Amino acid sequence: MRSATARRLLIAAAVMAVVAALAALALRQALGGDRLRAAVETRLSAMLGQPVSIGRLSVDFFPRPSLAGGNVRIGDARVVAPRLDVDRVRMLPRVRSLWTGHVIIEQVELDGFIASVLRDRQGRWHVPAVVPVPSKDARAGAAVQRVRVASGRVRVFDQASGDGVGKTASIDDLQADATVEGGSLRLAPITGRIGRARISGEARTDARAVRLTFGADAIGDDDLPLFLRLLGSDRPAFLRLGEPASVSVAVEVDRASSVMTGTGVLGAPLVLLESLRLQRFEAPFAIKGTILRFDPTAFAMYGGTHRGAVAVDLRETPAAWTTDSRVNGMSVGEFLRALTGRDQGLDGTASIDAALGGRVGEPLDRTVRGRAHVTVTSGVIRNFPLLATINRALRLAEQESGDTRFERLTANVMVAAGHATTDDLVLEAAHARVEAAGRIGADRSLALGGRAIVAAEHAARAVASVHEIARLRNSRGEIVVPLTISGTLDAPSIDIDLKAAIGKGLMDELRRRLRRIIR
């Protein structure tokens, strides 16, 4: 009994094996014809707007029956960029349709789809010529329902930095459905990554332009250079992300002019500008050709707020940057300590209006140039006995202090090669006003000259102590004395030549009297 049962089981297994082998053979024959290859080549050629040929096909049965073809050629691919490449094409047919007059391919997967883009020395963008043409699926005896990009990439090659062409950035691990809508090819939804930052969006290409829209919620500091290179810019060496940033981008490359235009928004909780900490950073940006502009750029810093614009000109090598900035309510002491890594002895509340510029990748402190209008209120300059020196020179019995407290300090400053020069510095204190011009060097040296103007009330007290000082009074009863400031910020030297001033006052008085006599 048992042997009979075992015999029947063996016969059944053999029959099943024969049936499976016959089915596999029939399926292989159904899959192995040129009909499916021709259908897919026709569909892809129509979708991409250029001839597509697929090499030898292989048949897979698991996890479901499919065909895979390598040695894929798209158009005349004799250049590095712009061009399209596909590593492998995988076709998933509807099995029941293989023995009908009209085969249905449920999905075509383009595995390793690569779009290579070239940015030339003039900043023009050259993209692959992907323009859909009318499909001929019906003539091929098979219909393709869906085309999907898998493990795709967008590679950007840059010609601007040298004679050769080198890859500078890429969007990797792209997944997307590809559909033809009218005269355009649409890839949506797209997912992928820039560095380690995940992105999502869509792309569309037609006879006029290529458009890409995407967003990313967590761009890290290591991802930022890759993101900026996709826009054609290098990252300035002094710019870092303290926390991940979010970005949304919509760009377009016009096929006729090869010019990129676009807009977007970059936001970050913390941006590091060398040693400076910029919080709540928010910057809409626009790109047109070789100009990348962030406007308005808003953030908080050291108790104050910033609003302005930053532009990067990519035509030059290295790229040039400019900024037009306005800062209000900032703690100047905290700002200077963060910038220099040491206490600079100046405190107060600052407002700054600046127009500065430099080169991407060059040291900020030695290469920045431009002008700034600075106002500091309710401040103090520690270890800078300016008022004490004036009081001693005029023999005013004021309380001595090594610090100079002031109500207001203003100056228009020109910055170049690490030096700052001014011709209109004004410091207003309780009983004196100081006007000066000169230079503060990159080595912290001081070379300033000007005058101190003492208020009339204190001038009367000074005249009571030194009668000759009366000759230094102006029409408002103020005393005007010359001063020079030399040395360094760490060891300043303040000099008031009272004797020379009195002698000059005496000579001026004699000239006035002589003019009266001559008349």
Foldseek 3Di string as FASTA:
>chain_A
DVVVVVVVVVVVVVVVVVVVVVVVVVLCVLPQDCLVQVLVQQVVCQQQVWGKHWDHWDWDPPPHTKIKTAPIDTHPPPDPPQDKDFGMKMWAWDSVCSPPQATETAEIEREAIEGEWEQEQQLFIAGDRGKGHDGDNVVSRYYYNWYKYFFYKYWYWYHNPDNDIDTQAMWTGWIFTWDDDPGKIKTPFIWTDGPNWIKTWIWMDHNFKTKTKIKTAFQAFVRVQRVVVVVPAGAFPQKGAPGGKIKIWIWMQTNVGSKIKIKMKIWHQWMGRNQFIWGGWIWIWIDTRQKIKTAFTWTDGAQKIKTWMKIWGVSDVQIKIKIFMWIFFHWVQVVVCSVPVDGLQKTFGKIKTWIWMAGGHDDPQFTIWGKMKMKGAQMKRAQCQPVQQVCVVLVNPDDGHSMDTFGMWIFIWTDHRNKIWTQFIWTHHDFKIWGWTDIQHNVQWFWIKTKMKGHQVVLVVSCVVPVLQQLQQDPRNIGIWIWTWTDGSVNIDIDTPVVVSSVVSVVVVVVVVVVVVVD
